[in-house]
Amino acid sequence: MENKQEILRKINVVLEQIRPYLQADGGDISLVGLTDDMEVCVELEGACNGCPHKTQTIHAGVERTLKAYIPEIKGVVEVSK
């Protein structure tokens, strides 16, 4: 398995690809961290934070995309800083 820093770098690359779609709707996403269990912790910002579809955005959009590029990822969880 790759080291955690390399996986974090890949996560940031993928989030940069996702970000324009979220920003088009007035939102954004920030990487908070990566757990030892390979769960990506993110924070939705702006319009995405209060959106009733944010769970779908996290799982159908962000999680699916991250897992497609980084198979080691087990899931994505939303956290608040």
N, C-alpha and C. Protein backbone atom coordinates (compact mmCIF):
# COMPACT_ATOMS: atom_id res chain seq x y z
N MET A 1 0.84 -1.19 0.00
CA MET A 1 0.00 0.00 0.00
C MET A 1 0.88 1.25 0.00
N GLU A 2 0.41 2.26 -0.69
CA GLU A 2 1.16 3.51 -0.75
C GLU A 2 1.17 4.19 0.61
N ASN A 3 2.11 5.08 0.79
CA ASN A 3 2.13 5.78 2.06
C ASN A 3 1.01 6.82 2.11
N LYS A 4 0.69 7.21 3.33
CA LYS A 4 -0.45 8.11 3.55
C LYS A 4 -0.28 9.45 2.84
N GLN A 5 0.92 9.97 2.80
CA GLN A 5 1.15 11.27 2.13
C GLN A 5 0.85 11.19 0.64
N GLU A 6 1.22 10.08 0.01
CA GLU A 6 0.96 9.92 -1.42
C GLU A 6 -0.55 9.79 -1.68
N ILE A 7 -1.24 9.08 -0.81
CA ILE A 7 -2.70 8.95 -0.96
C ILE A 7 -3.37 10.30 -0.76
N LEU A 8 -2.93 11.07 0.23
CA LEU A 8 -3.48 12.42 0.45
C LEU A 8 -3.25 13.30 -0.78
N ARG A 9 -2.09 13.18 -1.39
CA ARG A 9 -1.81 13.95 -2.60
C ARG A 9 -2.80 13.58 -3.71
N LYS A 10 -3.04 12.29 -3.88
CA LYS A 10 -3.98 11.83 -4.91
C LYS A 10 -5.40 12.31 -4.60
N ILE A 11 -5.77 12.27 -3.32
CA ILE A 11 -7.10 12.75 -2.93
C ILE A 11 -7.26 14.21 -3.33
N ASN A 12 -6.26 15.03 -3.05
CA ASN A 12 -6.33 16.44 -3.41
C ASN A 12 -6.45 16.65 -4.92
N VAL A 13 -5.77 15.82 -5.69
CA VAL A 13 -5.87 15.92 -7.15
C VAL A 13 -7.31 15.63 -7.60
N VAL A 14 -7.90 14.58 -7.05
CA VAL A 14 -9.28 14.23 -7.42
C VAL A 14 -10.25 15.30 -6.95
N LEU A 15 -10.07 15.82 -5.74
CA LEU A 15 -10.96 16.88 -5.25
C LEU A 15 -10.89 18.12 -6.13
N GLU A 16 -9.72 18.41 -6.69
CA GLU A 16 -9.60 19.55 -7.61
C GLU A 16 -10.43 19.32 -8.88
N GLN A 17 -10.61 18.08 -9.27
CA GLN A 17 -11.45 17.77 -10.43
C GLN A 17 -12.93 17.91 -10.10
N ILE A 18 -13.30 17.60 -8.87
CA ILE A 18 -14.69 17.67 -8.43
C ILE A 18 -15.12 19.10 -8.10
N ARG A 19 -14.18 19.87 -7.56
CA ARG A 19 -14.46 21.21 -7.04
C ARG A 19 -15.25 22.13 -8.00
N PRO A 20 -14.92 22.21 -9.28
CA PRO A 20 -15.67 23.11 -10.16
C PRO A 20 -17.17 22.81 -10.22
N TYR A 21 -17.55 21.56 -10.10
CA TYR A 21 -18.97 21.20 -10.12
C TYR A 21 -19.68 21.72 -8.88
N LEU A 22 -19.01 21.63 -7.75
CA LEU A 22 -19.58 22.14 -6.51
C LEU A 22 -19.62 23.67 -6.51
N GLN A 23 -18.56 24.28 -7.01
CA GLN A 23 -18.50 25.74 -7.05
C GLN A 23 -19.55 26.32 -7.99
N ALA A 24 -19.92 25.59 -9.03
CA ALA A 24 -20.94 26.06 -9.96
C ALA A 24 -22.29 26.22 -9.26
N ASP A 25 -22.49 25.48 -8.17
CA ASP A 25 -23.72 25.58 -7.39
C ASP A 25 -23.54 26.40 -6.12
N GLY A 26 -22.42 27.12 -6.02
CA GLY A 26 -22.19 27.98 -4.87
C GLY A 26 -21.58 27.29 -3.67
N GLY A 27 -21.03 26.10 -3.88
CA GLY A 27 -20.44 25.35 -2.77
C GLY A 27 -18.97 25.09 -2.99
N ASP A 28 -18.42 24.28 -2.12
CA ASP A 28 -17.01 23.88 -2.22
C ASP A 28 -16.79 22.69 -1.29
N ILE A 29 -15.60 22.14 -1.34
CA ILE A 29 -15.24 21.00 -0.51
C ILE A 29 -13.80 21.16 -0.05
N SER A 30 -13.55 20.78 1.20
CA SER A 30 -12.19 20.81 1.76
C SER A 30 -11.85 19.45 2.32
N LEU A 31 -10.62 19.04 2.11
CA LEU A 31 -10.11 17.82 2.70
C LEU A 31 -9.73 18.11 4.14
N VAL A 32 -10.30 17.36 5.07
CA VAL A 32 -9.98 17.51 6.49
C VAL A 32 -8.90 16.52 6.89
N GLY A 33 -8.98 15.28 6.35
CA GLY A 33 -7.96 14.31 6.69
C GLY A 33 -8.28 12.93 6.15
N LEU A 34 -7.44 11.99 6.52
CA LEU A 34 -7.58 10.59 6.13
C LEU A 34 -7.36 9.75 7.37
N THR A 35 -8.35 8.91 7.69
CA THR A 35 -8.24 8.08 8.88
C THR A 35 -7.33 6.88 8.60
N ASP A 36 -6.92 6.21 9.67
CA ASP A 36 -6.12 5.00 9.52
C ASP A 36 -6.90 3.88 8.84
N ASP A 37 -8.24 3.98 8.88
CA ASP A 37 -9.11 3.01 8.21
C ASP A 37 -9.38 3.37 6.77
N MET A 38 -8.64 4.37 6.25
CA MET A 38 -8.76 4.81 4.85
C MET A 38 -10.10 5.44 4.52
N GLU A 39 -10.68 6.16 5.49
CA GLU A 39 -11.86 6.96 5.23
C GLU A 39 -11.42 8.40 5.06
N VAL A 40 -11.92 9.02 4.00
CA VAL A 40 -11.58 10.40 3.70
C VAL A 40 -12.57 11.30 4.44
N CYS A 41 -12.05 12.24 5.21
CA CYS A 41 -12.88 13.19 5.93
C CYS A 41 -12.88 14.51 5.17
N VAL A 42 -14.09 14.96 4.81
CA VAL A 42 -14.22 16.20 4.05
C VAL A 42 -15.21 17.11 4.74
N GLU A 43 -15.13 18.38 4.40
CA GLU A 43 -16.10 19.36 4.86
C GLU A 43 -16.70 20.03 3.64
N LEU A 44 -18.04 20.01 3.56
CA LEU A 44 -18.72 20.73 2.49
C LEU A 44 -18.90 22.17 2.96
N GLU A 45 -18.74 23.10 2.03
CA GLU A 45 -18.77 24.51 2.37
C GLU A 45 -19.77 25.24 1.48
N GLY A 46 -20.10 26.46 1.88
CA GLY A 46 -20.99 27.29 1.09
C GLY A 46 -22.37 26.67 0.96
N ALA A 47 -22.95 26.78 -0.23
CA ALA A 47 -24.29 26.27 -0.47
C ALA A 47 -24.39 24.77 -0.25
N CYS A 48 -23.30 24.05 -0.41
CA CYS A 48 -23.31 22.59 -0.22
C CYS A 48 -23.54 22.20 1.23
N ASN A 49 -23.10 23.05 2.15
CA ASN A 49 -23.19 22.72 3.57
C ASN A 49 -24.63 22.53 4.02
N GLY A 50 -25.54 23.36 3.57
CA GLY A 50 -26.93 23.25 4.01
C GLY A 50 -27.84 22.59 3.00
N CYS A 51 -27.29 22.08 1.95
CA CYS A 51 -28.09 21.50 0.87
C CYS A 51 -28.73 20.18 1.31
N PRO A 52 -30.02 19.99 0.98
CA PRO A 52 -30.67 18.73 1.35
C PRO A 52 -30.13 17.52 0.58
N HIS A 53 -29.35 17.75 -0.45
CA HIS A 53 -28.79 16.67 -1.26
C HIS A 53 -27.32 16.38 -0.93
N LYS A 54 -26.82 16.92 0.18
CA LYS A 54 -25.39 16.79 0.46
C LYS A 54 -24.98 15.34 0.72
N THR A 55 -25.85 14.52 1.29
CA THR A 55 -25.50 13.11 1.49
C THR A 55 -25.31 12.42 0.16
N GLN A 56 -26.18 12.72 -0.79
CA GLN A 56 -26.05 12.15 -2.13
C GLN A 56 -24.78 12.67 -2.80
N THR A 57 -24.47 13.94 -2.62
CA THR A 57 -23.25 14.51 -3.18
C THR A 57 -22.02 13.80 -2.63
N ILE A 58 -22.01 13.57 -1.33
CA ILE A 58 -20.87 12.90 -0.69
C ILE A 58 -20.70 11.48 -1.22
N HIS A 59 -21.78 10.71 -1.22
CA HIS A 59 -21.66 9.28 -1.54
C HIS A 59 -21.69 8.99 -3.04
N ALA A 60 -22.61 9.58 -3.76
CA ALA A 60 -22.73 9.27 -5.19
C ALA A 60 -21.71 10.04 -6.02
N GLY A 61 -21.30 11.19 -5.54
CA GLY A 61 -20.35 11.99 -6.30
C GLY A 61 -18.92 11.86 -5.81
N VAL A 62 -18.66 12.37 -4.63
CA VAL A 62 -17.30 12.44 -4.11
C VAL A 62 -16.74 11.05 -3.83
N GLU A 63 -17.47 10.23 -3.08
CA GLU A 63 -16.96 8.91 -2.71
C GLU A 63 -16.75 8.03 -3.94
N ARG A 64 -17.72 8.00 -4.83
CA ARG A 64 -17.60 7.17 -6.03
C ARG A 64 -16.41 7.58 -6.87
N THR A 65 -16.21 8.88 -7.03
CA THR A 65 -15.09 9.38 -7.83
C THR A 65 -13.75 9.05 -7.17
N LEU A 66 -13.65 9.28 -5.87
CA LEU A 66 -12.40 8.98 -5.17
C LEU A 66 -12.06 7.49 -5.25
N LYS A 67 -13.06 6.63 -5.04
CA LYS A 67 -12.81 5.19 -5.09
C LYS A 67 -12.40 4.73 -6.49
N ALA A 68 -12.92 5.40 -7.52
CA ALA A 68 -12.56 5.03 -8.89
C ALA A 68 -11.08 5.30 -9.16
N TYR A 69 -10.55 6.37 -8.60
CA TYR A 69 -9.15 6.75 -8.82
C TYR A 69 -8.21 6.17 -7.77
N ILE A 70 -8.73 5.94 -6.57
CA ILE A 70 -7.89 5.50 -5.45
C ILE A 70 -8.60 4.32 -4.77
N PRO A 71 -8.38 3.11 -5.26
CA PRO A 71 -9.10 1.95 -4.75
C PRO A 71 -8.92 1.67 -3.26
N GLU A 72 -7.85 2.19 -2.66
CA GLU A 72 -7.61 1.97 -1.23
C GLU A 72 -8.64 2.67 -0.34
N ILE A 73 -9.31 3.68 -0.89
CA ILE A 73 -10.30 4.45 -0.12
C ILE A 73 -11.48 3.56 0.23
N LYS A 74 -11.84 3.55 1.51
CA LYS A 74 -12.98 2.74 1.98
C LYS A 74 -14.28 3.53 2.01
N GLY A 75 -14.19 4.84 2.16
CA GLY A 75 -15.40 5.65 2.23
C GLY A 75 -15.07 7.12 2.43
N VAL A 76 -16.12 7.93 2.41
CA VAL A 76 -15.98 9.37 2.62
C VAL A 76 -16.99 9.76 3.69
N VAL A 77 -16.54 10.52 4.66
CA VAL A 77 -17.41 11.01 5.71
C VAL A 77 -17.32 12.53 5.76
N GLU A 78 -18.47 13.14 6.04
CA GLU A 78 -18.49 14.59 6.19
C GLU A 78 -18.26 14.94 7.65
N VAL A 79 -17.41 15.90 7.87
CA VAL A 79 -17.14 16.39 9.23
C VAL A 79 -17.24 17.91 9.22
N SER A 80 -17.38 18.48 10.38
CA SER A 80 -17.35 19.93 10.54
C SER A 80 -16.11 20.29 11.31
N LYS A 81 -15.41 21.31 10.85
CA LYS A 81 -14.19 21.73 11.55
C LYS A 81 -14.55 22.48 12.81
